[in-house]
Amino acid sequence: MKKFLKALIIIVVILAVVSGGLFLLGRSYAEKQKQNIISKSEKYKVNKGELSLTAIGSGKIVSADVKKVVADGSITEIMVDAGDYVKKGDVLAKYKDITGTEKNFTAEYEGIITSVPSSTTDTSTMLKAASQSGAFEISNSNKLQIDIEATEKDIYKIKVGQSASVYIDAINLSVQGKVARVSLTGNTSGDFSVYSVTVSFDKTNNNIFLGMTGSAKIAIETKQNVLKVPVEALIEQDGKRYVLLSDWFNNMNKQKKDYYVEVATGISDTDFVEITSGEIEGKEILILSDDISGGIMFSRGGGDDE
């Protein structure tokens, strides 16, 4: 009997030790998980400021001033290649006029040759049809433009002469420009139409080359003194939008939804969104990292908290 009681006591002690160890291990894991969330999250204090709705698109940089010229005769030798830089008076080709006299065909403009006739050809009938394939194309590399597409929801807000900015990623350069042309006809893209918008700008840096890829941004609506929060701070759940107050960090054992504040949103740019309703001015909210995991209690939106 004594042996049995002794064995029972030993078993109880072992179970208590194991249970205590598991409890401490669980607490340690939970604490590490909380610290992981805190270290990967950002706090943002909600204040008022300026917010602009923009139309953004990308395209190739081309000349805004292109002239096509043809020789009044039969070209016998082409003296330049596409990509050559020419000055006014430089010889583009040799040609024979209607009398058979050989003459030099010279550039009337300064710029870059962006197209040459495909071969020596008789261009005498093309003098007044400079858009034909027998033309030399000279592009002014100091007057540039880029074409982007705007949606049907934005196009009516964009006007000729409106300011715009162009960013050239290859050389990390931003330049100022303006809207030079707005297409009045659209092209179908999926279930909606898009419209071509031309943004023109001057060459302000010698590292800008024709054919580079750029992106243009046009501010189509600007609001002053509005509440705004980072886009990634929004939590969408059951068709509603919320932000999470930073007070949750003081009691993370509670459900996140206890610290949700429902908000309504207005215009947004790529970084911030307008808050049109929701008592959050001056309050501190959380931006949770997308890679945080470890239980529904710590998930970032998309499902109900337990």
Protein backbone atom coordinates (compact mmCIF):
# COMPACT_ATOMS: atom_id res chain seq x y z
CA MET A 1 0.00 0.00 0.00
CA LYS A 2 2.83 2.36 0.90
CA LYS A 3 4.54 1.56 -2.39
CA PHE A 4 1.31 2.33 -4.26
CA LEU A 5 0.87 5.69 -2.49
CA LYS A 6 4.50 6.57 -3.14
CA ALA A 7 4.14 5.76 -6.85
CA LEU A 8 0.92 7.78 -7.03
CA ILE A 9 2.61 10.79 -5.44
CA ILE A 10 5.50 10.55 -7.91
CA ILE A 11 3.06 10.42 -10.85
CA VAL A 12 1.14 13.44 -9.54
CA VAL A 13 4.40 15.39 -9.12
CA ILE A 14 5.53 14.47 -12.65
CA LEU A 15 2.18 15.52 -14.11
CA ALA A 16 2.33 18.81 -12.22
CA VAL A 17 5.84 19.50 -13.47
CA VAL A 18 4.88 18.64 -17.06
CA SER A 19 1.69 20.74 -16.87
CA GLY A 20 3.60 23.67 -15.43
CA GLY A 21 6.25 23.34 -18.13
CA LEU A 22 3.64 23.24 -20.88
CA PHE A 23 1.90 26.26 -19.35
CA LEU A 24 5.14 28.24 -19.20
CA LEU A 25 6.04 27.12 -22.73
CA GLY A 26 2.64 28.24 -23.97
CA ARG A 27 3.01 31.61 -22.25
CA SER A 28 6.49 32.01 -23.68
CA TYR A 29 5.26 31.23 -27.20
CA ALA A 30 2.32 33.61 -26.88
CA GLU A 31 4.60 36.36 -25.57
CA LYS A 32 7.03 35.86 -28.47
CA GLN A 33 4.12 35.96 -30.88
CA LYS A 34 2.91 39.25 -29.43
CA GLN A 35 6.38 40.76 -29.58
CA ASN A 36 6.67 39.61 -33.18
CA ILE A 37 3.45 41.43 -34.06
CA ILE A 38 4.54 44.59 -32.27
CA SER A 39 7.96 44.64 -33.91
CA LYS A 40 6.51 44.20 -37.40
CA SER A 41 3.71 46.73 -37.03
CA GLU A 42 3.70 50.49 -37.50
CA LYS A 43 1.82 53.18 -35.63
CA TYR A 44 0.26 56.14 -37.44
CA LYS A 45 -1.29 59.22 -35.86
CA VAL A 46 -4.34 60.37 -37.80
CA ASN A 47 -4.25 64.04 -38.80
CA LYS A 48 -5.63 66.27 -41.53
CA GLY A 49 -3.72 67.14 -44.67
CA GLU A 50 -3.80 67.43 -48.46
CA LEU A 51 -4.86 64.53 -50.65
CA SER A 52 -4.80 64.37 -54.43
CA LEU A 53 -6.57 61.95 -56.75
CA THR A 54 -4.30 61.30 -59.71
CA ALA A 55 -4.38 59.63 -63.10
CA ILE A 56 -1.18 57.66 -63.64
CA GLY A 57 0.04 55.84 -66.74
CA SER A 58 3.23 54.80 -68.46
CA GLY A 59 4.50 54.95 -72.02
CA LYS A 60 7.46 55.66 -74.28
CA ILE A 61 9.08 59.08 -74.49
CA VAL A 62 8.93 60.50 -78.01
CA SER A 63 9.51 63.87 -79.62
CA ALA A 64 6.69 66.38 -79.45
CA ASP A 65 8.03 68.12 -82.56
CA VAL A 66 8.50 65.79 -85.54
CA LYS A 67 8.98 67.04 -89.09
CA LYS A 68 8.95 64.94 -92.26
CA VAL A 69 10.79 66.18 -95.35
CA VAL A 70 11.33 64.77 -98.87
CA ALA A 71 13.70 65.54 -101.68
CA ASP A 72 12.19 66.87 -104.93
CA GLY A 73 13.74 64.25 -107.12
CA SER A 74 15.28 60.80 -107.25
CA ILE A 75 17.48 59.99 -104.26
CA THR A 76 20.78 58.41 -105.32
CA GLU A 77 22.53 58.12 -101.97
CA ILE A 78 21.37 58.36 -98.35
CA MET A 79 24.01 60.00 -96.13
CA VAL A 80 22.50 59.51 -92.65
CA ASP A 81 21.10 56.71 -90.48
CA ALA A 82 18.25 56.63 -88.00
CA GLY A 83 19.58 57.86 -84.67
CA ASP A 84 22.02 60.39 -86.16
CA TYR A 85 21.96 63.93 -84.82
CA VAL A 86 21.90 66.60 -87.56
CA LYS A 87 22.10 70.35 -87.65
CA LYS A 88 20.42 72.68 -90.08
CA GLY A 89 22.33 72.50 -93.36
CA ASP A 90 23.75 68.99 -92.87
CA VAL A 91 23.50 66.77 -95.98
CA LEU A 92 20.84 64.08 -95.62
CA ALA A 93 21.08 62.61 -99.11
CA LYS A 94 22.14 63.18 -102.70
CA TYR A 95 19.44 63.32 -105.35
CA LYS A 96 18.86 64.15 -109.00
CA ASP A 97 16.27 66.77 -109.84
CA ILE A 98 13.94 66.72 -112.82
CA THR A 99 16.73 67.90 -115.13
CA GLY A 100 19.07 65.11 -113.98
CA THR A 101 21.32 67.47 -112.06
CA GLU A 102 22.73 65.91 -108.87
CA LYS A 103 22.19 67.99 -105.77
CA ASN A 104 22.55 67.78 -102.01
CA PHE A 105 19.41 67.42 -99.95
CA THR A 106 20.07 69.23 -96.68
CA ALA A 107 18.33 69.34 -93.31
CA GLU A 108 16.12 72.34 -92.75
CA TYR A 109 15.87 71.58 -89.03
CA GLU A 110 18.09 70.50 -86.17
CA GLY A 111 17.28 67.22 -84.45
CA ILE A 112 17.59 63.44 -84.43
CA ILE A 113 16.91 61.36 -87.53
CA THR A 114 14.17 58.96 -86.48
CA SER A 115 13.28 57.62 -89.92
CA VAL A 116 14.93 57.46 -93.34
CA PRO A 117 13.63 56.24 -96.72
CA SER A 118 13.91 52.47 -96.94
CA SER A 119 16.02 52.76 -100.09
CA THR A 120 16.99 55.19 -102.83
CA THR A 121 13.72 56.14 -104.48
CA ASP A 122 12.04 58.69 -106.68
CA THR A 123 10.43 61.17 -104.30
CA SER A 124 9.50 63.82 -106.82
CA THR A 125 5.80 62.99 -106.43
CA MET A 126 6.10 63.07 -102.63
CA LEU A 127 7.01 66.71 -102.16
CA LYS A 128 3.54 67.51 -100.88
CA ALA A 129 3.02 64.12 -99.25
CA ALA A 130 5.68 64.14 -96.58
CA SER A 131 3.95 61.41 -94.60
CA GLN A 132 4.91 58.80 -97.20
CA SER A 133 7.67 56.22 -96.73
CA GLY A 134 10.12 58.26 -98.84
CA ALA A 135 10.38 60.95 -96.15
CA PHE A 136 13.17 61.75 -93.75
CA GLU A 137 11.85 62.21 -90.23
CA ILE A 138 13.64 64.72 -87.99
CA SER A 139 12.66 64.79 -84.30
CA ASN A 140 13.36 67.66 -81.94
CA SER A 141 14.93 65.96 -78.90
CA ASN A 142 14.40 69.02 -76.70
CA LYS A 143 10.59 68.95 -76.99
CA LEU A 144 9.29 65.67 -75.59
CA GLN A 145 6.01 63.98 -74.83
CA ILE A 146 4.51 60.78 -73.46
CA ASP A 147 1.11 59.22 -74.11
CA ILE A 148 -0.80 57.55 -71.27
CA GLU A 149 -4.30 56.13 -70.89
CA ALA A 150 -7.00 57.54 -68.61
CA THR A 151 -10.21 55.75 -67.68
CA GLU A 152 -13.68 56.99 -68.52
CA LYS A 153 -14.11 57.88 -64.82
CA ASP A 154 -11.18 60.28 -64.97
CA ILE A 155 -11.00 61.60 -68.53
CA TYR A 156 -13.63 64.32 -68.13
CA LYS A 157 -11.60 65.83 -65.27
CA ILE A 158 -8.45 66.20 -67.38
CA LYS A 159 -8.03 69.42 -69.37
CA VAL A 160 -5.48 70.65 -71.91
CA GLY A 161 -2.93 72.87 -70.15
CA GLN A 162 -3.30 71.08 -66.82
CA SER A 163 -0.02 70.52 -64.97
CA ALA A 164 1.51 67.06 -64.85
CA SER A 165 4.71 65.36 -63.74
CA VAL A 166 6.76 62.77 -65.62
CA TYR A 167 9.01 60.27 -63.86
CA ILE A 168 11.78 58.43 -65.74
CA ASP A 169 12.74 55.37 -63.73
CA ALA A 170 15.95 54.53 -65.64
CA ILE A 171 17.62 57.76 -64.47
CA ASN A 172 15.48 58.40 -61.36
CA LEU A 173 14.37 61.80 -62.63
CA SER A 174 11.10 63.74 -62.31
CA VAL A 175 10.25 66.63 -64.63
CA GLN A 176 7.28 68.95 -64.85
CA GLY A 177 5.04 69.06 -67.90
CA LYS A 178 1.49 69.77 -68.98
CA VAL A 179 -1.38 68.10 -70.75
CA ALA A 180 -1.03 68.83 -74.46
CA ARG A 181 -3.84 66.72 -75.88
CA VAL A 182 -6.89 64.80 -74.66
CA SER A 183 -8.44 62.26 -77.03
CA LEU A 184 -12.15 62.68 -77.60
CA THR A 185 -12.64 59.04 -78.60
CA GLY A 186 -11.91 56.02 -76.45
CA ASN A 187 -10.83 52.44 -76.92
CA THR A 188 -12.54 49.55 -75.19
CA SER A 189 -10.54 47.82 -72.48
CA GLY A 190 -12.51 45.08 -70.76
CA ASP A 191 -15.83 46.47 -69.59
CA PHE A 192 -14.89 50.14 -69.87
CA SER A 193 -13.21 52.63 -72.19
CA VAL A 194 -9.80 54.27 -71.93
CA TYR A 195 -8.70 57.53 -73.53
CA SER A 196 -5.29 58.68 -74.73
CA VAL A 197 -3.76 61.67 -72.96
CA THR A 198 -0.57 63.35 -74.19
CA VAL A 199 1.73 65.02 -71.66
CA SER A 200 4.44 67.28 -73.09
CA PHE A 201 7.61 68.46 -71.35
CA ASP A 202 11.00 69.99 -72.10
CA LYS A 203 14.27 68.09 -72.00
CA THR A 204 15.91 69.28 -68.80
CA ASN A 205 18.61 66.62 -68.56
CA ASN A 206 21.01 65.29 -71.16
CA ASN A 207 20.40 61.75 -69.89
CA ILE A 208 16.85 61.74 -71.27
CA PHE A 209 16.74 59.81 -74.54
CA LEU A 210 13.96 59.17 -77.03
CA GLY A 211 12.40 55.76 -76.49
CA MET A 212 12.91 55.66 -72.73
CA THR A 213 10.00 54.46 -70.61
CA GLY A 214 8.36 57.01 -68.36
CA SER A 215 5.26 57.43 -66.23
CA ALA A 216 3.07 60.51 -66.12
CA LYS A 217 0.95 61.64 -63.18
CA ILE A 218 -1.90 64.14 -63.48
CA ALA A 219 -3.68 65.51 -60.42
CA ILE A 220 -7.39 65.43 -61.25
CA GLU A 221 -8.81 66.28 -57.83
CA THR A 222 -7.15 67.81 -54.79
CA LYS A 223 -8.68 68.21 -51.33
CA GLN A 224 -7.27 70.28 -48.49
CA ASN A 225 -7.62 69.71 -44.75
CA VAL A 226 -9.00 66.17 -44.95
CA LEU A 227 -8.50 63.23 -42.60
CA LYS A 228 -6.34 60.59 -44.24
CA VAL A 229 -4.77 57.28 -43.31
CA PRO A 230 -2.35 54.97 -45.12
CA VAL A 231 -4.16 52.64 -47.50
CA GLU A 232 -2.60 49.58 -45.84
CA ALA A 233 -4.13 50.59 -42.48
CA LEU A 234 -7.63 49.78 -43.72
CA ILE A 235 -9.17 46.48 -42.65
CA GLU A 236 -12.07 45.17 -44.75
CA GLN A 237 -14.49 42.77 -43.14
CA ASP A 238 -18.06 41.81 -44.02
CA GLY A 239 -18.31 44.64 -46.55
CA LYS A 240 -17.27 47.28 -44.03
CA ARG A 241 -14.01 49.14 -43.46
CA TYR A 242 -12.21 49.62 -40.17
CA VAL A 243 -8.99 50.85 -38.66
CA LEU A 244 -7.36 49.26 -35.61
CA LEU A 245 -6.52 51.50 -32.65
CA SER A 246 -3.02 51.11 -31.20
CA ASP A 247 -4.59 50.67 -27.74
CA TRP A 248 -4.91 47.00 -28.70
CA PHE A 249 -1.18 46.63 -28.00
CA ASN A 250 -1.92 47.30 -24.31
CA ASN A 251 -4.28 44.33 -24.08
CA MET A 252 -3.62 41.89 -26.90
CA ASN A 253 -5.48 39.10 -25.11
CA LYS A 254 -8.69 40.81 -26.14
CA GLN A 255 -10.21 40.48 -29.58
CA LYS A 256 -9.02 42.97 -32.18
CA LYS A 257 -12.57 43.87 -33.06
CA ASP A 258 -12.92 45.48 -29.63
CA TYR A 259 -10.47 48.10 -30.91
CA TYR A 260 -11.90 48.49 -34.43
CA VAL A 261 -13.32 51.84 -35.51
CA GLU A 262 -15.62 51.69 -38.51
CA VAL A 263 -14.81 54.32 -41.16
CA ALA A 264 -16.12 55.52 -44.51
CA THR A 265 -13.67 56.49 -47.23
CA GLY A 266 -13.46 59.04 -50.03
CA ILE A 267 -10.78 59.69 -52.63
CA SER A 268 -7.40 57.98 -52.49
CA ASP A 269 -4.00 58.06 -54.12
CA THR A 270 -1.43 55.27 -54.18
CA ASP A 271 -0.49 55.82 -50.51
CA PHE A 272 -3.34 57.45 -48.58
CA VAL A 273 -7.14 57.33 -48.45
CA GLU A 274 -9.57 60.01 -47.25
CA ILE A 275 -11.65 59.26 -44.16
CA THR A 276 -15.09 60.86 -44.45
CA SER A 277 -16.60 59.44 -41.27
CA GLY A 278 -15.28 57.73 -38.15
CA GLU A 279 -14.06 59.33 -34.92
CA ILE A 280 -10.32 58.83 -35.35
CA GLU A 281 -8.81 62.33 -35.67
CA GLY A 282 -5.76 62.64 -33.44
CA LYS A 283 -5.85 58.95 -32.55
CA GLU A 284 -3.09 56.45 -33.15
CA ILE A 285 -3.84 53.47 -35.38
CA LEU A 286 -1.92 50.35 -36.37
CA ILE A 287 -0.60 49.15 -39.70
CA LEU A 288 -0.16 45.40 -39.34
CA SER A 289 2.44 43.60 -41.43
CA ASP A 290 1.00 41.30 -44.11
CA ASP A 291 3.32 38.44 -43.12
CA ILE A 292 2.10 38.29 -39.50
CA SER A 293 0.56 34.91 -38.74
CA GLY A 294 -0.13 32.68 -35.80
CA GLY A 295 -3.82 32.51 -35.08
CA ILE A 296 -7.04 34.22 -36.07
CA MET A 297 -6.80 36.52 -33.04
CA PHE A 298 -3.75 38.11 -34.62
CA SER A 299 -4.89 38.05 -38.28
CA ARG A 300 -5.23 41.28 -40.25
CA GLY A 301 -8.85 41.50 -41.32
CA GLY A 302 -10.54 39.21 -43.81
CA GLY A 303 -12.26 37.07 -41.18
CA ASP A 304 -14.02 37.12 -37.85
CA ASP A 305 -11.95 37.31 -34.68
CA GLU A 306 -12.44 34.57 -32.18
